[in-house]
Amino acid sequence: MKARDIRELGPNELDQRVRDTTRELVDLRLKNKSGSTADKPVRIRLLRRDVARMKTVRHEREMSNG
């Protein structure tokens, strides 16, 4: 997901996406650690980056609002 797309989301939707993506990331990490091979190991890296982008946009909004 691109930062431009993330910025178009409302605050509640952004928070929900962060929670959902983080939950998916945790599930994939658990599967990977348990020895089960992940379908797409690169998905973990992509999810981690998406969460970071979403948190960055959320922080930018907080800083601009005072």
PDB file of N, CA and C in Angstrom:
ATOM      1  N   MET A   1       0.851  -1.174   0.000  1.00  0.00           N
ATOM      2  CA  MET A   1       0.000   0.000   0.000  1.00  0.00           C
ATOM      3  C   MET A   1       0.898   1.239   0.000  1.00  0.00           C
ATOM      4  N   LYS A   2       0.587   2.150  -0.836  1.00  0.00           N
ATOM      5  CA  LYS A   2       1.389   3.363  -0.956  1.00  0.00           C
ATOM      6  C   LYS A   2       0.961   4.400   0.080  1.00  0.00           C
ATOM      7  N   ALA A   3       1.894   5.269   0.450  1.00  0.00           N
ATOM      8  CA  ALA A   3       1.621   6.310   1.442  1.00  0.00           C
ATOM      9  C   ALA A   3       0.501   7.232   0.951  1.00  0.00           C
ATOM     10  N   ARG A   4       0.452   7.466  -0.331  1.00  0.00           N
ATOM     11  CA  ARG A   4      -0.600   8.314  -0.899  1.00  0.00           C
ATOM     12  C   ARG A   4      -1.971   7.708  -0.626  1.00  0.00           C
ATOM     13  N   ASP A   5      -2.080   6.399  -0.793  1.00  0.00           N
ATOM     14  CA  ASP A   5      -3.347   5.716  -0.528  1.00  0.00           C
ATOM     15  C   ASP A   5      -3.686   5.742   0.958  1.00  0.00           C
ATOM     16  N   ILE A   6      -2.684   5.615   1.786  1.00  0.00           N
ATOM     17  CA  ILE A   6      -2.891   5.616   3.236  1.00  0.00           C
ATOM     18  C   ILE A   6      -3.390   6.977   3.696  1.00  0.00           C
ATOM     19  N   ARG A   7      -2.856   8.033   3.112  1.00  0.00           N
ATOM     20  CA  ARG A   7      -3.258   9.384   3.512  1.00  0.00           C
ATOM     21  C   ARG A   7      -4.723   9.679   3.183  1.00  0.00           C
ATOM     22  N   GLU A   8      -5.288   8.948   2.240  1.00  0.00           N
ATOM     23  CA  GLU A   8      -6.688   9.149   1.868  1.00  0.00           C
ATOM     24  C   GLU A   8      -7.648   8.507   2.864  1.00  0.00           C
ATOM     25  N   LEU A   9      -7.149   7.629   3.722  1.00  0.00           N
ATOM     26  CA  LEU A   9      -7.998   6.952   4.698  1.00  0.00           C
ATOM     27  C   LEU A   9      -8.364   7.892   5.841  1.00  0.00           C
ATOM     28  N   GLY A  10      -9.542   7.674   6.399  1.00  0.00           N
ATOM     29  CA  GLY A  10      -9.948   8.430   7.581  1.00  0.00           C
ATOM     30  C   GLY A  10      -9.224   7.900   8.808  1.00  0.00           C
ATOM     31  N   PRO A  11      -9.256   8.641   9.904  1.00  0.00           N
ATOM     32  CA  PRO A  11      -8.527   8.221  11.111  1.00  0.00           C
ATOM     33  C   PRO A  11      -8.992   6.872  11.661  1.00  0.00           C
ATOM     34  N   ASN A  12     -10.299   6.640  11.684  1.00  0.00           N
ATOM     35  CA  ASN A  12     -10.798   5.367  12.209  1.00  0.00           C
ATOM     36  C   ASN A  12     -10.429   4.206  11.297  1.00  0.00           C
ATOM     37  N   GLU A  13     -10.537   4.427  10.003  1.00  0.00           N
ATOM     38  CA  GLU A  13     -10.192   3.377   9.050  1.00  0.00           C
ATOM     39  C   GLU A  13      -8.694   3.063   9.102  1.00  0.00           C
ATOM     40  N   LEU A  14      -7.883   4.099   9.294  1.00  0.00           N
ATOM     41  CA  LEU A  14      -6.439   3.911   9.399  1.00  0.00           C
ATOM     42  C   LEU A  14      -6.093   3.067  10.627  1.00  0.00           C
ATOM     43  N   ASP A  15      -6.719   3.387  11.755  1.00  0.00           N
ATOM     44  CA  ASP A  15      -6.473   2.609  12.972  1.00  0.00           C
ATOM     45  C   ASP A  15      -6.883   1.155  12.786  1.00  0.00           C
ATOM     46  N   GLN A  16      -8.005   0.932  12.125  1.00  0.00           N
ATOM     47  CA  GLN A  16      -8.476  -0.436  11.881  1.00  0.00           C
ATOM     48  C   GLN A  16      -7.513  -1.193  10.980  1.00  0.00           C
ATOM     49  N   ARG A  17      -7.010  -0.527   9.958  1.00  0.00           N
ATOM     50  CA  ARG A  17      -6.053  -1.170   9.039  1.00  0.00           C
ATOM     51  C   ARG A  17      -4.763  -1.535   9.774  1.00  0.00           C
ATOM     52  N   VAL A  18      -4.298  -0.635  10.663  1.00  0.00           N
ATOM     53  CA  VAL A  18      -3.085  -0.934  11.434  1.00  0.00           C
ATOM     54  C   VAL A  18      -3.308  -2.184  12.281  1.00  0.00           C
ATOM     55  N   ARG A  19      -4.454  -2.263  12.958  1.00  0.00           N
ATOM     56  CA  ARG A  19      -4.747  -3.435  13.794  1.00  0.00           C
ATOM     57  C   ARG A  19      -4.828  -4.707  12.963  1.00  0.00           C
ATOM     58  N   ASP A  20      -5.538  -4.656  11.847  1.00  0.00           N
ATOM     59  CA  ASP A  20      -5.699  -5.841  11.003  1.00  0.00           C
ATOM     60  C   ASP A  20      -4.365  -6.311  10.425  1.00  0.00           C
ATOM     61  N   THR A  21      -3.579  -5.367   9.937  1.00  0.00           N
ATOM     62  CA  THR A  21      -2.297  -5.718   9.331  1.00  0.00           C
ATOM     63  C   THR A  21      -1.335  -6.261  10.373  1.00  0.00           C
ATOM     64  N   THR A  22      -1.336  -5.667  11.559  1.00  0.00           N
ATOM     65  CA  THR A  22      -0.480  -6.153  12.639  1.00  0.00           C
ATOM     66  C   THR A  22      -0.884  -7.568  13.045  1.00  0.00           C
ATOM     67  N   ARG A  23      -2.182  -7.821  13.113  1.00  0.00           N
ATOM     68  CA  ARG A  23      -2.664  -9.159  13.468  1.00  0.00           C
ATOM     69  C   ARG A  23      -2.218 -10.183  12.419  1.00  0.00           C
ATOM     70  N   GLU A  24      -2.338  -9.815  11.152  1.00  0.00           N
ATOM     71  CA  GLU A  24      -1.913 -10.713  10.085  1.00  0.00           C
ATOM     72  C   GLU A  24      -0.406 -10.974  10.153  1.00  0.00           C
ATOM     73  N   LEU A  25       0.357  -9.933  10.469  1.00  0.00           N
ATOM     74  CA  LEU A  25       1.808 -10.055  10.582  1.00  0.00           C
ATOM     75  C   LEU A  25       2.186 -10.999  11.721  1.00  0.00           C
ATOM     76  N   VAL A  26       1.527 -10.866  12.851  1.00  0.00           N
ATOM     77  CA  VAL A  26       1.799 -11.744  13.990  1.00  0.00           C
ATOM     78  C   VAL A  26       1.481 -13.188  13.634  1.00  0.00           C
ATOM     79  N   ASP A  27       0.356 -13.406  12.968  1.00  0.00           N
ATOM     80  CA  ASP A  27      -0.014 -14.764  12.558  1.00  0.00           C
ATOM     81  C   ASP A  27       1.042 -15.374  11.630  1.00  0.00           C
ATOM     82  N   LEU A  28       1.505 -14.597  10.659  1.00  0.00           N
ATOM     83  CA  LEU A  28       2.519 -15.103   9.741  1.00  0.00           C
ATOM     84  C   LEU A  28       3.830 -15.400  10.457  1.00  0.00           C
ATOM     85  N   ARG A  29       4.198 -14.541  11.415  1.00  0.00           N
ATOM     86  CA  ARG A  29       5.427 -14.779  12.181  1.00  0.00           C
ATOM     87  C   ARG A  29       5.322 -16.057  12.998  1.00  0.00           C
ATOM     88  N   LEU A  30       4.158 -16.286  13.611  1.00  0.00           N
ATOM     89  CA  LEU A  30       3.968 -17.508  14.384  1.00  0.00           C
ATOM     90  C   LEU A  30       4.062 -18.744  13.500  1.00  0.00           C
ATOM     91  N   LYS A  31       3.441 -18.692  12.343  1.00  0.00           N
ATOM     92  CA  LYS A  31       3.521 -19.822  11.414  1.00  0.00           C
ATOM     93  C   LYS A  31       4.957 -20.079  10.991  1.00  0.00           C
ATOM     94  N   ASN A  32       5.683 -19.005  10.745  1.00  0.00           N
ATOM     95  CA  ASN A  32       7.068 -19.122  10.306  1.00  0.00           C
ATOM     96  C   ASN A  32       7.935 -19.711  11.416  1.00  0.00           C
ATOM     97  N   LYS A  33       7.729 -19.279  12.649  1.00  0.00           N
ATOM     98  CA  LYS A  33       8.525 -19.767  13.782  1.00  0.00           C
ATOM     99  C   LYS A  33       8.183 -21.205  14.142  1.00  0.00           C
ATOM    100  N   SER A  34       6.957 -21.623  13.897  1.00  0.00           N
ATOM    101  CA  SER A  34       6.551 -22.971  14.263  1.00  0.00           C
ATOM    102  C   SER A  34       7.080 -24.017  13.291  1.00  0.00           C
ATOM    103  N   GLY A  35       7.762 -23.584  12.263  1.00  0.00           N
ATOM    104  CA  GLY A  35       8.348 -24.520  11.324  1.00  0.00           C
ATOM    105  C   GLY A  35       7.534 -24.697  10.065  1.00  0.00           C
ATOM    106  N   SER A  36       6.324 -24.211  10.085  1.00  0.00           N
ATOM    107  CA  SER A  36       5.493 -24.278   8.897  1.00  0.00           C
ATOM    108  C   SER A  36       5.999 -23.244   7.905  1.00  0.00           C
ATOM    109  N   THR A  37       6.255 -23.669   6.713  1.00  0.00           N
ATOM    110  CA  THR A  37       6.772 -22.722   5.733  1.00  0.00           C
ATOM    111  C   THR A  37       5.643 -21.800   5.274  1.00  0.00           C
ATOM    112  N   ALA A  38       5.930 -20.538   5.298  1.00  0.00           N
ATOM    113  CA  ALA A  38       4.945 -19.552   4.863  1.00  0.00           C
ATOM    114  C   ALA A  38       4.774 -19.659   3.347  1.00  0.00           C
ATOM    115  N   ASP A  39       3.564 -19.402   2.897  1.00  0.00           N
ATOM    116  CA  ASP A  39       3.309 -19.446   1.454  1.00  0.00           C
ATOM    117  C   ASP A  39       4.185 -18.446   0.715  1.00  0.00           C
ATOM    118  N   LYS A  40       4.244 -17.254   1.276  1.00  0.00           N
ATOM    119  CA  LYS A  40       5.047 -16.202   0.662  1.00  0.00           C
ATOM    120  C   LYS A  40       5.859 -15.526   1.776  1.00  0.00           C
ATOM    121  N   PRO A  41       7.091 -15.945   1.974  1.00  0.00           N
ATOM    122  CA  PRO A  41       7.895 -15.365   3.058  1.00  0.00           C
ATOM    123  C   PRO A  41       8.109 -13.859   2.907  1.00  0.00           C
ATOM    124  N   VAL A  42       8.095 -13.380   1.676  1.00  0.00           N
ATOM    125  CA  VAL A  42       8.297 -11.954   1.458  1.00  0.00           C
ATOM    126  C   VAL A  42       7.111 -11.151   1.992  1.00  0.00           C
ATOM    127  N   ARG A  43       5.971 -11.806   2.181  1.00  0.00           N
ATOM    128  CA  ARG A  43       4.763 -11.132   2.689  1.00  0.00           C
ATOM    129  C   ARG A  43       5.012 -10.539   4.073  1.00  0.00           C
ATOM    130  N   ILE A  44       5.838 -11.184   4.893  1.00  0.00           N
ATOM    131  CA  ILE A  44       6.147 -10.677   6.231  1.00  0.00           C
ATOM    132  C   ILE A  44       6.823  -9.314   6.113  1.00  0.00           C
ATOM    133  N   ARG A  45       7.782  -9.220   5.219  1.00  0.00           N
ATOM    134  CA  ARG A  45       8.492  -7.958   5.035  1.00  0.00           C
ATOM    135  C   ARG A  45       7.560  -6.867   4.516  1.00  0.00           C
ATOM    136  N   LEU A  46       6.707  -7.214   3.570  1.00  0.00           N
ATOM    137  CA  LEU A  46       5.778  -6.235   3.013  1.00  0.00           C
ATOM    138  C   LEU A  46       4.791  -5.743   4.063  1.00  0.00           C
ATOM    139  N   LEU A  47       4.285  -6.649   4.889  1.00  0.00           N
ATOM    140  CA  LEU A  47       3.350  -6.244   5.939  1.00  0.00           C
ATOM    141  C   LEU A  47       4.034  -5.336   6.958  1.00  0.00           C
ATOM    142  N   ARG A  48       5.268  -5.675   7.298  1.00  0.00           N
ATOM    143  CA  ARG A  48       6.009  -4.860   8.262  1.00  0.00           C
ATOM    144  C   ARG A  48       6.188  -3.434   7.738  1.00  0.00           C
ATOM    145  N   ARG A  49       6.479  -3.315   6.468  1.00  0.00           N
ATOM    146  CA  ARG A  49       6.654  -1.992   5.863  1.00  0.00           C
ATOM    147  C   ARG A  49       5.330  -1.238   5.780  1.00  0.00           C
ATOM    148  N   ASP A  50       4.246  -1.953   5.477  1.00  0.00           N
ATOM    149  CA  ASP A  50       2.930  -1.309   5.426  1.00  0.00           C
ATOM    150  C   ASP A  50       2.544  -0.759   6.797  1.00  0.00           C
ATOM    151  N   VAL A  51       2.794  -1.539   7.856  1.00  0.00           N
ATOM    152  CA  VAL A  51       2.475  -1.073   9.205  1.00  0.00           C
ATOM    153  C   VAL A  51       3.298   0.178   9.520  1.00  0.00           C
ATOM    154  N   ALA A  52       4.557   0.173   9.154  1.00  0.00           N
ATOM    155  CA  ALA A  52       5.407   1.341   9.405  1.00  0.00           C
ATOM    156  C   ALA A  52       4.894   2.573   8.655  1.00  0.00           C
ATOM    157  N   ARG A  53       4.467   2.384   7.420  1.00  0.00           N
ATOM    158  CA  ARG A  53       3.929   3.516   6.653  1.00  0.00           C
ATOM    159  C   ARG A  53       2.670   4.068   7.309  1.00  0.00           C
ATOM    160  N   MET A  54       1.784   3.168   7.729  1.00  0.00           N
ATOM    161  CA  MET A  54       0.535   3.613   8.344  1.00  0.00           C
ATOM    162  C   MET A  54       0.793   4.344   9.650  1.00  0.00           C
ATOM    163  N   LYS A  55       1.719   3.833  10.442  1.00  0.00           N
ATOM    164  CA  LYS A  55       2.047   4.502  11.707  1.00  0.00           C
ATOM    165  C   LYS A  55       2.707   5.851  11.457  1.00  0.00           C
ATOM    166  N   THR A  56       3.492   5.950  10.404  1.00  0.00           N
ATOM    167  CA  THR A  56       4.131   7.224  10.057  1.00  0.00           C
ATOM    168  C   THR A  56       3.081   8.260   9.672  1.00  0.00           C
ATOM    169  N   VAL A  57       2.132   7.876   8.854  1.00  0.00           N
ATOM    170  CA  VAL A  57       1.071   8.801   8.447  1.00  0.00           C
ATOM    171  C   VAL A  57       0.256   9.224   9.665  1.00  0.00           C
ATOM    172  N   ARG A  58      -0.051   8.270  10.546  1.00  0.00           N
ATOM    173  CA  ARG A  58      -0.808   8.596  11.756  1.00  0.00           C
ATOM    174  C   ARG A  58      -0.033   9.592  12.623  1.00  0.00           C
ATOM    175  N   HIS A  59       1.282   9.386  12.745  1.00  0.00           N
ATOM    176  CA  HIS A  59       2.108  10.296  13.535  1.00  0.00           C
ATOM    177  C   HIS A  59       2.179  11.680  12.884  1.00  0.00           C
ATOM    178  N   GLU A  60       2.266  11.731  11.553  1.00  0.00           N
ATOM    179  CA  GLU A  60       2.272  13.020  10.857  1.00  0.00           C
ATOM    180  C   GLU A  60       0.997  13.795  11.137  1.00  0.00           C
ATOM    181  N   ARG A  61      -0.131  13.087  11.149  1.00  0.00           N
ATOM    182  CA  ARG A  61      -1.414  13.742  11.426  1.00  0.00           C
ATOM    183  C   ARG A  61      -1.449  14.274  12.850  1.00  0.00           C
ATOM    184  N   GLU A  62      -0.948  13.496  13.779  1.00  0.00           N
ATOM    185  CA  GLU A  62      -0.934  13.940  15.184  1.00  0.00           C
ATOM    186  C   GLU A  62      -0.059  15.176  15.354  1.00  0.00           C
ATOM    187  N   MET A  63       1.068  15.204  14.677  1.00  0.00           N
ATOM    188  CA  MET A  63       1.983  16.339  14.796  1.00  0.00           C
ATOM    189  C   MET A  63       1.406  17.591  14.142  1.00  0.00           C
ATOM    190  N   SER A  64       0.671  17.436  13.057  1.00  0.00           N
ATOM    191  CA  SER A  64       0.125  18.611  12.381  1.00  0.00           C
ATOM    192  C   SER A  64      -1.094  19.179  13.130  1.00  0.00           C
ATOM    193  N   ASN A  65      -1.773  18.326  13.897  1.00  0.00           N
ATOM    194  CA  ASN A  65      -2.934  18.795  14.649  1.00  0.00           C
ATOM    195  C   ASN A  65      -2.563  19.437  15.981  1.00  0.00           C
ATOM    196  N   GLY A  66      -1.331  19.324  16.344  1.00  0.00           N
ATOM    197  CA  GLY A  66      -0.880  20.017  17.547  1.00  0.00           C
ATOM    198  C   GLY A  66      -0.725  19.098  18.658  1.00  0.00           C
TER     199      GLY A  66
END
